Amino acid sequence: MGIISKNKTTGAAPVNISKSGSRTADNSPAPEPASYSLADLSTLKNTLSFSEPKERKRAAKAIYELSDVSHKKNRTTIIKTESEIVEALCECLLVSSGDARHLALLSLNNLSIPSDNKKTIMNNESNRAIVIDALVTIIQTDPAESYLACIALMNLSFLESAVPIIAANPDLLSTIEGLLKEGVKAKAGSGKSEGVRWSCGLLKNLSRSESAATRIAATDIVGSLVQCLKSPSGAARWSNNSTEDFALFTLLNLSQHQNVLNDLFKKNKVIQTLQPIARSVVGVHSLKATLTIGILKGSTRSEIPPAAGSEVTELVGNILAKKGKEKEYSAGVFKLSTAVLALKGIATKGDASSVATPKAGALMLQIMSSYVLASRESAIADLSPSDNALGVFAAILPSLLQQKSNDSREANPATLKAVAEITSLVQACQDLHSESTSKSLAQDVIDTLKDASAIDRPVLVETNRIWAAQRERDGISNSFFSGEAGQEVDTDGPLSFLPCQLDNGACVIM
């Protein structure tokens, strides 16, 4: 079966392309050539580099078919067997045009999907430079194919270590800046709109890196992202992986690097643009806008949606449980550090009582205790989720200590137990953090708990009960708070939500 040539970019009627890549006058497939197998990889590689245009097209088509969705298992084999085929595909797409270039790009996209292939391509300094430069050149010079080049770079950028390398290309971000400016108002489905869409997808991945955020800050990209969100179609019609979805995610990632973006968010009125999305749209787009508003330092209480506390608390719980939300987001889409940072902003700048539920309090205690536990087994590179969880707990603690005005009974054993266990955890967190602000905040919580221990605190008791039940499910002994007994770190157990992201396979709690 032939493939349908890309017509989004030209507006022309679909054209059938046979396995050879050739067309007939009546638009029917041309006769098929002999089929190819993995044994022909070396020949195909040489054909891509040194043959006539027609033969290059045939070779690119063969590699595409050997690596398409029905031959996924071949993708890693192709790179392991003939790693130089990537370089040959790049040469082909640079010296070719039309179908040959299109098929070479499709092949590169297929081969850039497996994790092992990303590592093979990006860990070879010479190879990665050729690939990145070639794809950037296509984005610069071929509007019809720019979207495929963006997708290939996006695929590679799912490898964490590849992000700063790709972003460091001297022409990439300025090229994307120009593409966005020209195409942001393009008609949906046109070549320009697809280029905008997938360049935003690439930005979504690159914006995770502070070094990339620094480079983005030197462009007008943020302004174009804001324009993307002023879609006439209305936010309720946006889908996952749409231009608007990618733009929202990029702004969410960039909000976590505010220190290098200076006043770009204020200058481009990002919060004002996100407010109606956060307040009026149900689903993942509303959630992304809410998270960004919660994180941004410039947001105020009136700008934080009333439902923000419950929505982000639910997200934190789902992340810890390693699950998604039906029809909204899958497990692993959002990072714990992002969600807890946003919840801290909501609790400290917004209405703390909207966050102050026993469930939210227990989730913060779960995060803090997991980091304390993990730190006793190995060094932790990033303590920010624990630190921010402490900030959330400190903000909502006054609400958790509230009781009915006529209820001033003496503290019962459950209250004393809750105060003692939570105090023990916060003391452990105090020892864990080196920054004076975190230590001071922990001490404030300890002092508040001590002052509150004289009378019954039913909401705090319920918070501690939920946390204790989670500890029991996770098999965590109470004794670890005081250091009486060690606890083995099981990455498939209670600490599995902590990200382990080293390319060499070793695990470091991030």
Protein backbone atom coordinates (compact mmCIF):
# COMPACT_ATOMS: atom_id res chain seq x y z
CA MET A 1 0.00 0.00 0.00
CA GLY A 2 1.33 3.43 -0.88
CA ILE A 3 1.41 6.37 1.48
CA ILE A 4 -0.45 9.60 0.93
CA SER A 5 1.87 12.47 0.25
CA LYS A 6 1.60 15.43 2.59
CA ASN A 7 -0.93 17.89 1.18
CA LYS A 8 -1.55 20.03 4.26
CA THR A 9 1.26 22.28 3.20
CA THR A 10 0.30 22.70 -0.44
CA GLY A 11 -3.48 22.53 -0.42
CA ALA A 12 -3.25 20.16 -3.41
CA ALA A 13 -5.26 16.97 -3.77
CA PRO A 14 -3.74 13.83 -2.23
CA VAL A 15 -1.20 12.11 -4.44
CA ASN A 16 -0.47 8.40 -4.20
CA ILE A 17 3.19 7.50 -3.85
CA SER A 18 4.19 3.94 -4.56
CA LYS A 19 6.88 2.04 -2.72
CA SER A 20 9.34 3.36 -5.24
CA GLY A 21 8.15 6.86 -4.56
CA SER A 22 7.25 7.44 -8.23
CA ARG A 23 3.95 8.82 -9.55
CA THR A 24 1.97 8.06 -12.66
CA ALA A 25 0.15 10.57 -14.84
CA ASP A 26 -3.30 9.43 -13.64
CA ASN A 27 -2.19 9.58 -9.99
CA SER A 28 -2.09 5.78 -9.63
CA PRO A 29 0.84 3.91 -8.05
CA ALA A 30 3.75 3.05 -10.31
CA PRO A 31 5.01 -0.54 -10.51
CA GLU A 32 6.69 -1.71 -7.31
CA PRO A 33 10.44 -2.31 -7.22
CA ALA A 34 12.05 -5.28 -5.54
CA SER A 35 11.50 -5.22 -1.78
CA TYR A 36 14.31 -4.40 0.63
CA SER A 37 15.36 -5.98 3.93
CA LEU A 38 17.68 -5.15 6.81
CA ALA A 39 20.42 -6.95 4.92
CA ASP A 40 20.37 -4.09 2.40
CA LEU A 41 21.13 -1.31 4.89
CA SER A 42 24.71 -0.76 3.77
CA THR A 43 23.63 -0.52 0.13
CA LEU A 44 20.79 1.82 1.01
CA LYS A 45 23.14 4.05 2.99
CA ASN A 46 25.50 4.39 0.04
CA THR A 47 22.59 5.01 -2.32
CA LEU A 48 21.39 7.89 -0.15
CA SER A 49 24.77 9.57 -0.36
CA PHE A 50 26.06 8.99 -3.85
CA SER A 51 23.24 8.16 -6.27
CA GLU A 52 20.99 10.02 -8.66
CA PRO A 53 17.85 11.73 -7.27
CA LYS A 54 15.53 8.91 -8.33
CA GLU A 55 17.69 6.32 -6.59
CA ARG A 56 18.01 8.45 -3.44
CA LYS A 57 14.24 8.67 -3.29
CA ARG A 58 13.92 4.92 -3.63
CA ALA A 59 16.47 4.34 -0.85
CA ALA A 60 14.76 6.83 1.47
CA LYS A 61 11.43 5.14 0.80
CA ALA A 62 12.92 1.74 1.58
CA ILE A 63 14.31 2.93 4.92
CA TYR A 64 10.98 4.54 5.74
CA GLU A 65 9.15 1.27 5.09
CA LEU A 66 11.69 -0.73 7.08
CA SER A 67 11.11 1.55 10.08
CA ASP A 68 7.42 2.43 9.82
CA VAL A 69 4.80 1.77 12.48
CA SER A 70 4.37 -1.85 11.38
CA HIS A 71 8.15 -2.43 11.70
CA LYS A 72 8.87 -0.67 15.00
CA LYS A 73 11.18 -3.44 16.15
CA ASN A 74 13.52 -2.65 13.25
CA ARG A 75 14.22 0.90 14.43
CA THR A 76 16.88 0.09 17.01
CA THR A 77 18.31 -2.68 14.83
CA ILE A 78 18.84 -0.25 11.94
CA ILE A 79 20.83 2.17 14.10
CA LYS A 80 22.83 -0.58 15.80
CA THR A 81 23.62 -2.23 12.49
CA GLU A 82 24.32 0.88 10.41
CA SER A 83 24.57 3.96 12.63
CA GLU A 84 25.94 6.05 9.75
CA ILE A 85 22.58 5.74 8.00
CA VAL A 86 21.40 8.77 10.00
CA GLU A 87 24.19 10.88 8.52
CA ALA A 88 23.31 9.58 5.05
CA LEU A 89 19.65 10.50 5.53
CA CYS A 90 20.72 14.01 6.52
CA GLU A 91 22.84 14.32 3.40
CA CYS A 92 19.91 13.08 1.33
CA LEU A 93 17.43 15.58 2.72
CA LEU A 94 19.88 18.47 2.20
CA VAL A 95 20.73 17.69 -1.43
CA SER A 96 17.26 16.45 -2.42
CA SER A 97 13.84 18.03 -2.70
CA GLY A 98 10.27 16.88 -3.04
CA ASP A 99 9.50 13.25 -2.24
CA ALA A 100 13.10 12.24 -1.50
CA ARG A 101 13.46 14.93 1.16
CA HIS A 102 10.03 14.15 2.59
CA LEU A 103 10.81 10.43 2.86
CA ALA A 104 14.22 11.08 4.39
CA LEU A 105 12.55 13.23 7.06
CA LEU A 106 9.92 10.57 7.72
CA SER A 107 12.71 8.02 8.13
CA LEU A 108 14.62 10.27 10.55
CA ASN A 109 11.45 10.70 12.57
CA ASN A 110 10.94 6.96 12.82
CA LEU A 111 14.55 6.34 13.81
CA SER A 112 14.57 9.11 16.43
CA ILE A 113 11.74 7.58 18.47
CA PRO A 114 13.40 4.70 20.44
CA SER A 115 15.29 5.79 23.56
CA ASP A 116 18.37 3.79 22.60
CA ASN A 117 18.48 5.51 19.22
CA LYS A 118 18.25 8.95 20.80
CA LYS A 119 21.25 8.11 22.96
CA THR A 120 23.24 6.69 20.04
CA ILE A 121 22.59 9.78 17.92
CA MET A 122 23.07 12.39 20.63
CA ASN A 123 26.05 10.82 22.39
CA ASN A 124 28.09 10.97 19.17
CA GLU A 125 29.29 14.58 19.00
CA SER A 126 29.95 14.58 15.26
CA ASN A 127 26.76 12.71 14.42
CA ARG A 128 24.48 14.92 16.50
CA ALA A 129 25.93 18.10 15.02
CA ILE A 130 25.18 16.84 11.51
CA VAL A 131 21.62 15.86 12.45
CA ILE A 132 20.77 19.08 14.31
CA ASP A 133 22.33 21.33 11.66
CA ALA A 134 20.52 19.52 8.85
CA LEU A 135 17.13 19.72 10.55
CA VAL A 136 17.59 23.40 11.42
CA THR A 137 18.48 24.08 7.78
CA ILE A 138 15.21 22.48 6.67
CA ILE A 139 13.25 24.62 9.14
CA GLN A 140 15.01 27.70 7.76
CA THR A 141 14.63 26.95 4.07
CA ASP A 142 11.66 24.66 3.45
CA PRO A 143 8.33 25.83 4.95
CA ALA A 144 6.54 22.80 3.52
CA GLU A 145 8.76 20.36 5.41
CA SER A 146 9.65 22.43 8.48
CA TYR A 147 7.07 20.66 10.61
CA LEU A 148 8.73 17.28 10.04
CA ALA A 149 12.13 18.70 10.98
CA CYS A 150 10.60 20.12 14.17
CA ILE A 151 9.06 16.75 15.02
CA ALA A 152 12.41 15.00 14.55
CA LEU A 153 14.12 17.49 16.88
CA MET A 154 11.23 17.15 19.31
CA ASN A 155 11.67 13.36 19.33
CA LEU A 156 15.37 13.72 20.12
CA SER A 157 14.67 16.31 22.82
CA PHE A 158 12.71 13.81 24.90
CA LEU A 159 16.20 12.68 25.94
CA GLU A 160 16.93 14.98 28.88
CA SER A 161 20.65 15.34 28.15
CA ALA A 162 19.89 16.31 24.54
CA VAL A 163 17.87 19.40 25.45
CA PRO A 164 20.72 21.86 26.14
CA ILE A 165 22.66 20.52 23.15
CA ILE A 166 19.78 21.10 20.75
CA ALA A 167 18.94 24.49 22.26
CA ALA A 168 22.57 25.58 21.89
CA ASN A 169 22.41 25.45 18.09
CA PRO A 170 23.12 29.09 17.18
CA ASP A 171 20.36 29.31 14.57
CA LEU A 172 17.55 27.19 16.02
CA LEU A 173 15.71 29.54 18.36
CA SER A 174 16.02 32.58 16.11
CA THR A 175 14.65 30.44 13.27
CA ILE A 176 11.71 29.29 15.41
CA GLU A 177 11.15 32.90 16.46
CA GLY A 178 10.73 33.90 12.82
CA LEU A 179 8.57 30.88 12.02
CA LEU A 180 6.21 31.70 14.88
CA LYS A 181 5.93 35.37 13.97
CA GLU A 182 5.02 34.56 10.37
CA GLY A 183 2.81 31.56 11.00
CA VAL A 184 0.97 32.22 14.27
CA LYS A 185 -2.07 33.62 12.44
CA ALA A 186 -2.00 31.05 9.65
CA LYS A 187 -5.11 29.07 8.79
CA ALA A 188 -5.39 25.79 10.69
CA GLY A 189 -4.14 22.85 8.63
CA SER A 190 -1.91 24.96 6.41
CA GLY A 191 1.81 24.36 6.09
CA LYS A 192 2.61 27.37 8.25
CA SER A 193 0.19 26.32 10.98
CA GLU A 194 1.73 22.84 11.13
CA GLY A 195 5.17 24.39 11.37
CA VAL A 196 3.95 26.59 14.23
CA ARG A 197 2.33 23.62 15.94
CA TRP A 198 5.39 21.40 15.97
CA SER A 199 7.84 24.19 16.67
CA CYS A 200 5.74 24.81 19.80
CA GLY A 201 6.01 21.09 20.52
CA LEU A 202 9.78 21.35 20.29
CA LEU A 203 9.74 24.42 22.55
CA LYS A 204 7.71 22.47 25.09
CA ASN A 205 10.61 20.06 25.50
CA LEU A 206 13.42 22.61 25.26
CA SER A 207 11.83 24.91 27.84
CA ARG A 208 12.46 22.33 30.56
CA SER A 209 16.10 23.44 30.57
CA GLU A 210 17.22 26.65 32.24
CA SER A 211 19.94 27.12 29.64
CA ALA A 212 17.31 26.90 26.89
CA ALA A 213 15.03 29.27 28.83
CA THR A 214 17.90 31.76 28.95
CA ARG A 215 18.21 31.59 25.16
CA ILE A 216 14.44 31.87 24.70
CA ALA A 217 14.50 35.01 26.85
CA ALA A 218 16.67 36.67 24.19
CA THR A 219 13.91 36.24 21.58
CA ASP A 220 10.27 37.30 21.11
CA ILE A 221 9.08 33.70 21.40
CA VAL A 222 7.06 34.30 24.59
CA GLY A 223 5.04 36.99 22.81
CA SER A 224 4.23 34.60 19.96
CA LEU A 225 3.20 31.88 22.41
CA VAL A 226 0.76 34.31 23.99
CA GLN A 227 -0.65 35.09 20.53
CA CYS A 228 -1.15 31.36 19.95
CA LEU A 229 -3.41 31.26 23.01
CA LYS A 230 -5.67 33.97 21.61
CA SER A 231 -7.17 31.43 19.24
CA PRO A 232 -10.48 32.37 17.61
CA SER A 233 -11.58 28.72 17.84
CA GLY A 234 -11.98 28.98 21.61
CA ALA A 235 -10.09 27.08 24.28
CA ALA A 236 -12.87 24.52 24.74
CA ARG A 237 -12.02 23.11 21.30
CA TRP A 238 -8.31 22.70 21.89
CA SER A 239 -6.96 19.15 21.88
CA ASN A 240 -3.89 17.49 23.31
CA ASN A 241 -0.82 18.13 21.14
CA SER A 242 -2.48 21.11 19.50
CA THR A 243 -0.58 24.35 19.00
CA GLU A 244 -2.33 25.87 22.00
CA ASP A 245 -1.65 22.83 24.18
CA PHE A 246 2.07 22.98 23.38
CA ALA A 247 2.12 26.76 23.96
CA LEU A 248 0.50 26.32 27.38
CA PHE A 249 3.01 23.65 28.36
CA THR A 250 5.92 25.78 27.18
CA LEU A 251 4.76 28.71 29.32
CA LEU A 252 4.33 26.33 32.26
CA ASN A 253 7.90 25.10 31.86
CA LEU A 254 9.25 28.62 31.41
CA SER A 255 7.45 29.79 34.56
CA GLN A 256 9.82 27.57 36.52
CA HIS A 257 12.79 29.58 35.19
CA GLN A 258 11.50 33.06 36.05
CA ASN A 259 14.92 34.10 37.29
CA VAL A 260 16.30 34.10 33.73
CA LEU A 261 13.23 35.46 31.93
CA ASN A 262 13.23 38.79 33.78
CA ASP A 263 10.02 40.74 33.05
CA LEU A 264 8.97 38.82 29.91
CA PHE A 265 5.85 37.40 31.55
CA LYS A 266 4.71 40.83 32.72
CA LYS A 267 5.64 42.50 29.43
CA ASN A 268 3.61 39.99 27.42
CA LYS A 269 0.67 39.94 29.88
CA VAL A 270 0.92 36.19 30.34
CA ILE A 271 -1.20 36.05 33.50
CA GLN A 272 -3.97 38.13 31.92
CA THR A 273 -3.98 35.77 28.93
CA LEU A 274 -4.06 32.64 31.09
CA GLN A 275 -6.76 33.81 33.51
CA PRO A 276 -9.81 33.19 31.29
CA ILE A 277 -8.37 29.82 30.24
CA ALA A 278 -7.85 28.78 33.86
CA ARG A 279 -11.30 29.92 34.95
CA SER A 280 -13.55 28.95 32.06
CA VAL A 281 -12.19 25.74 30.58
CA VAL A 282 -12.60 22.33 32.13
CA GLY A 283 -9.76 19.88 31.63
CA VAL A 284 -6.03 19.74 31.14
CA HIS A 285 -5.74 23.14 29.45
CA SER A 286 -7.36 24.83 32.42
CA LEU A 287 -5.02 22.87 34.68
CA LYS A 288 -1.89 23.97 32.79
CA ALA A 289 -2.99 27.60 32.92
CA THR A 290 -3.77 27.27 36.64
CA LEU A 291 -0.37 25.71 37.38
CA THR A 292 1.42 28.52 35.54
CA ILE A 293 -0.51 31.24 37.36
CA GLY A 294 0.21 29.53 40.68
CA ILE A 295 3.95 29.41 39.95
CA LEU A 296 4.41 32.92 38.56
CA LYS A 297 5.68 35.29 41.22
CA GLY A 298 3.65 38.17 39.88
CA SER A 299 0.26 36.51 40.34
CA THR A 300 -2.11 37.82 43.00
CA ARG A 301 -4.93 36.30 45.03
CA SER A 302 -7.59 37.70 42.71
CA GLU A 303 -5.88 36.13 39.68
CA ILE A 304 -5.77 32.61 41.12
CA PRO A 305 -8.90 30.60 40.17
CA PRO A 306 -11.16 29.62 43.09
CA ALA A 307 -10.90 25.92 42.21
CA ALA A 308 -7.11 25.98 41.91
CA GLY A 309 -6.45 24.45 45.33
CA SER A 310 -8.60 21.37 44.80
CA GLU A 311 -7.47 20.85 41.19
CA VAL A 312 -3.77 20.97 41.96
CA THR A 313 -4.17 18.90 45.14
CA GLU A 314 -5.81 16.22 43.01
CA LEU A 315 -2.91 16.41 40.54
CA VAL A 316 -0.34 15.96 43.33
CA GLY A 317 -2.22 12.91 44.57
CA ASN A 318 -2.32 11.41 41.09
CA ILE A 319 1.40 12.00 40.57
CA LEU A 320 2.22 10.27 43.85
CA ALA A 321 -0.06 7.38 42.87
CA LYS A 322 1.54 7.27 39.40
CA LYS A 323 -1.78 7.61 37.63
CA GLY A 324 -3.42 10.03 35.26
CA LYS A 325 -6.91 11.46 34.99
CA GLU A 326 -9.31 9.98 32.48
CA LYS A 327 -9.69 12.05 29.31
CA GLU A 328 -7.34 14.74 30.64
CA TYR A 329 -3.76 13.59 31.22
CA SER A 330 -1.72 10.41 31.46
CA ALA A 331 0.59 9.32 34.24
CA GLY A 332 3.97 11.02 33.96
CA VAL A 333 2.79 14.09 32.03
CA PHE A 334 3.32 16.44 34.99
CA LYS A 335 6.29 16.47 37.34
CA LEU A 336 5.90 16.43 41.10
CA SER A 337 8.17 19.47 41.43
CA THR A 338 5.90 21.47 39.11
CA ALA A 339 2.68 20.55 40.88
CA VAL A 340 3.97 21.18 44.41
CA LEU A 341 5.55 24.50 43.40
CA ALA A 342 2.21 25.62 41.97
CA LEU A 343 0.35 24.44 45.07
CA LYS A 344 2.74 26.43 47.23
CA GLY A 345 1.96 29.56 45.21
CA ILE A 346 -1.76 28.93 45.51
CA ALA A 347 -1.53 28.33 49.28
CA THR A 348 0.68 31.33 50.01
CA LYS A 349 -0.68 33.92 47.55
CA GLY A 350 -4.26 32.72 47.16
CA ASP A 351 -6.85 31.40 49.57
CA ALA A 352 -4.99 28.95 51.82
CA SER A 353 -8.28 27.52 53.06
CA SER A 354 -8.98 26.23 49.53
CA VAL A 355 -5.95 23.98 49.93
CA ALA A 356 -6.35 23.23 53.64
CA THR A 357 -7.91 19.77 53.58
CA PRO A 358 -6.71 16.71 55.50
CA LYS A 359 -5.98 15.08 52.13
CA ALA A 360 -3.72 17.94 51.00
CA GLY A 361 -1.95 18.04 54.36
CA ALA A 362 -1.35 14.28 54.27
CA LEU A 363 0.05 14.50 50.72
CA MET A 364 2.55 17.14 51.82
CA LEU A 365 3.61 14.97 54.76
CA GLN A 366 3.98 12.01 52.40
CA ILE A 367 6.29 13.99 50.12
CA MET A 368 8.38 15.32 52.99
CA SER A 369 8.74 11.90 54.63
CA SER A 370 9.68 10.23 51.35
CA TYR A 371 12.50 12.70 50.77
CA VAL A 372 13.72 12.35 54.35
CA LEU A 373 13.71 8.58 53.94
CA ALA A 374 15.48 8.67 50.58
CA SER A 375 18.13 11.08 51.88
CA ARG A 376 19.22 8.54 54.47
CA GLU A 377 20.19 6.13 51.72
CA SER A 378 21.79 8.46 49.15
CA ALA A 379 22.34 12.11 48.32
CA ILE A 380 19.41 13.90 46.69
CA ALA A 381 20.23 16.43 44.00
CA ASP A 382 17.01 18.44 44.21
CA LEU A 383 15.11 18.88 47.46
CA SER A 384 12.68 21.46 46.08
CA PRO A 385 9.57 19.23 46.17
CA SER A 386 10.15 18.54 49.86
CA ASP A 387 10.95 22.20 50.52
CA ASN A 388 7.84 23.37 48.70
CA ALA A 389 5.70 20.73 50.42
CA LEU A 390 6.89 22.17 53.73
CA GLY A 391 5.87 25.61 52.47
CA VAL A 392 2.39 24.37 51.59
CA PHE A 393 1.99 22.64 54.95
CA ALA A 394 3.10 25.76 56.83
CA ALA A 395 0.57 27.87 54.91
CA ILE A 396 -2.38 25.55 55.57
CA LEU A 397 -1.45 24.54 59.13
CA PRO A 398 -3.53 27.30 60.80
CA SER A 399 -6.61 25.97 58.97
CA LEU A 400 -5.76 22.37 59.90
CA LEU A 401 -5.61 23.43 63.56
CA GLN A 402 -9.00 25.12 63.55
CA GLN A 403 -11.89 23.68 65.56
CA LYS A 404 -15.43 24.58 66.38
CA SER A 405 -15.61 27.72 68.51
CA ASN A 406 -17.31 25.93 71.40
CA ASP A 407 -14.99 22.93 71.31
CA SER A 408 -11.96 23.41 73.54
CA ARG A 409 -11.61 19.94 74.94
CA GLU A 410 -8.26 18.87 76.27
CA ALA A 411 -6.07 17.15 73.72
CA ASN A 412 -6.85 13.47 73.40
CA PRO A 413 -4.23 10.78 72.67
CA ALA A 414 -4.91 11.01 68.92
CA THR A 415 -4.10 14.73 68.91
CA LEU A 416 -0.95 14.22 70.94
CA LYS A 417 0.11 11.42 68.59
CA ALA A 418 -0.51 13.57 65.51
CA VAL A 419 1.46 16.49 66.94
CA ALA A 420 4.35 14.23 67.96
CA GLU A 421 4.62 12.39 64.63
CA ILE A 422 4.31 15.48 62.45
CA THR A 423 6.77 17.38 64.65
CA SER A 424 9.25 14.50 64.35
CA LEU A 425 8.97 14.62 60.55
CA VAL A 426 9.38 18.39 60.36
CA GLN A 427 12.46 18.18 62.59
CA ALA A 428 13.89 15.62 60.18
CA CYS A 429 13.16 17.99 57.29
CA GLN A 430 14.84 20.79 59.20
CA ASP A 431 17.99 18.69 59.41
CA LEU A 432 17.72 17.78 55.72
CA HIS A 433 17.58 21.31 54.33
CA SER A 434 20.63 23.54 54.37
CA GLU A 435 19.00 26.88 53.53
CA SER A 436 18.25 29.11 56.50
CA THR A 437 14.81 30.05 55.17
CA SER A 438 13.75 26.39 55.06
CA LYS A 439 15.13 25.75 58.53
CA SER A 440 13.35 28.81 59.88
CA LEU A 441 10.07 27.78 58.27
CA ALA A 442 10.39 24.29 59.73
CA GLN A 443 10.97 25.79 63.17
CA ASP A 444 7.86 27.94 62.80
CA VAL A 445 5.82 24.81 62.06
CA ILE A 446 7.33 23.01 65.05
CA ASP A 447 6.55 25.93 67.35
CA THR A 448 2.99 26.22 66.03
CA LEU A 449 2.37 22.51 66.61
CA LYS A 450 3.75 22.76 70.14
CA ASP A 451 1.50 25.70 70.96
CA ALA A 452 -1.50 23.86 69.56
CA SER A 453 -1.00 20.60 71.45
CA ALA A 454 -2.99 21.50 74.55
CA ILE A 455 -6.46 21.01 73.07
CA ASP A 456 -8.13 18.62 70.69
CA ARG A 457 -7.35 19.16 66.98
CA PRO A 458 -9.68 16.87 64.98
CA VAL A 459 -8.70 18.11 61.49
CA LEU A 460 -5.01 17.60 62.26
CA VAL A 461 -5.83 14.15 63.63
CA GLU A 462 -7.58 13.25 60.37
CA THR A 463 -4.59 14.58 58.39
CA ASN A 464 -2.25 12.38 60.38
CA ARG A 465 -4.58 9.38 60.04
CA ILE A 466 -4.53 9.63 56.23
CA TRP A 467 -0.75 10.00 56.23
CA ALA A 468 -0.31 7.05 58.62
CA ALA A 469 -2.52 4.87 56.41
CA GLN A 470 -0.35 5.74 53.42
CA ARG A 471 2.81 4.91 55.38
CA GLU A 472 1.32 1.55 56.28
CA ARG A 473 0.46 0.82 52.64
CA ASP A 474 4.00 1.74 51.66
CA GLY A 475 5.53 -0.39 54.39
CA ILE A 476 7.32 2.53 56.04
CA SER A 477 8.12 2.09 59.70
CA ASN A 478 7.35 4.94 62.11
CA SER A 479 10.78 4.46 63.65
CA PHE A 480 12.63 6.03 60.73
CA PHE A 481 11.63 9.54 61.86
CA SER A 482 13.97 9.35 64.82
CA GLY A 483 16.58 7.37 62.93
CA GLU A 484 16.17 4.29 65.10
CA ALA A 485 16.03 2.00 62.10
CA GLY A 486 17.07 2.24 58.49
CA GLN A 487 14.65 1.82 55.62
CA GLU A 488 15.63 0.22 52.34
CA VAL A 489 14.89 2.41 49.32
CA ASP A 490 12.74 0.41 46.92
CA THR A 491 12.34 2.26 43.62
CA ASP A 492 9.33 0.06 42.80
CA GLY A 493 7.70 0.82 46.13
CA PRO A 494 6.71 3.92 48.05
CA LEU A 495 9.44 6.11 46.56
CA SER A 496 8.76 5.17 42.95
CA PHE A 497 7.22 8.56 42.21
CA LEU A 498 10.64 10.17 42.70
CA PRO A 499 12.16 10.61 39.22
CA CYS A 500 15.30 8.66 38.37
CA GLN A 501 16.69 10.28 35.24
CA LEU A 502 20.25 9.42 34.40
CA ASP A 503 21.04 8.45 30.83
CA ASN A 504 23.49 5.76 31.96
CA GLY A 505 20.76 3.87 33.76
CA ALA A 506 21.94 4.75 37.26
CA CYS A 507 19.27 6.15 39.55
CA VAL A 508 19.57 9.44 41.37
CA ILE A 509 16.59 10.80 43.27
CA MET A 510 15.82 14.16 41.61
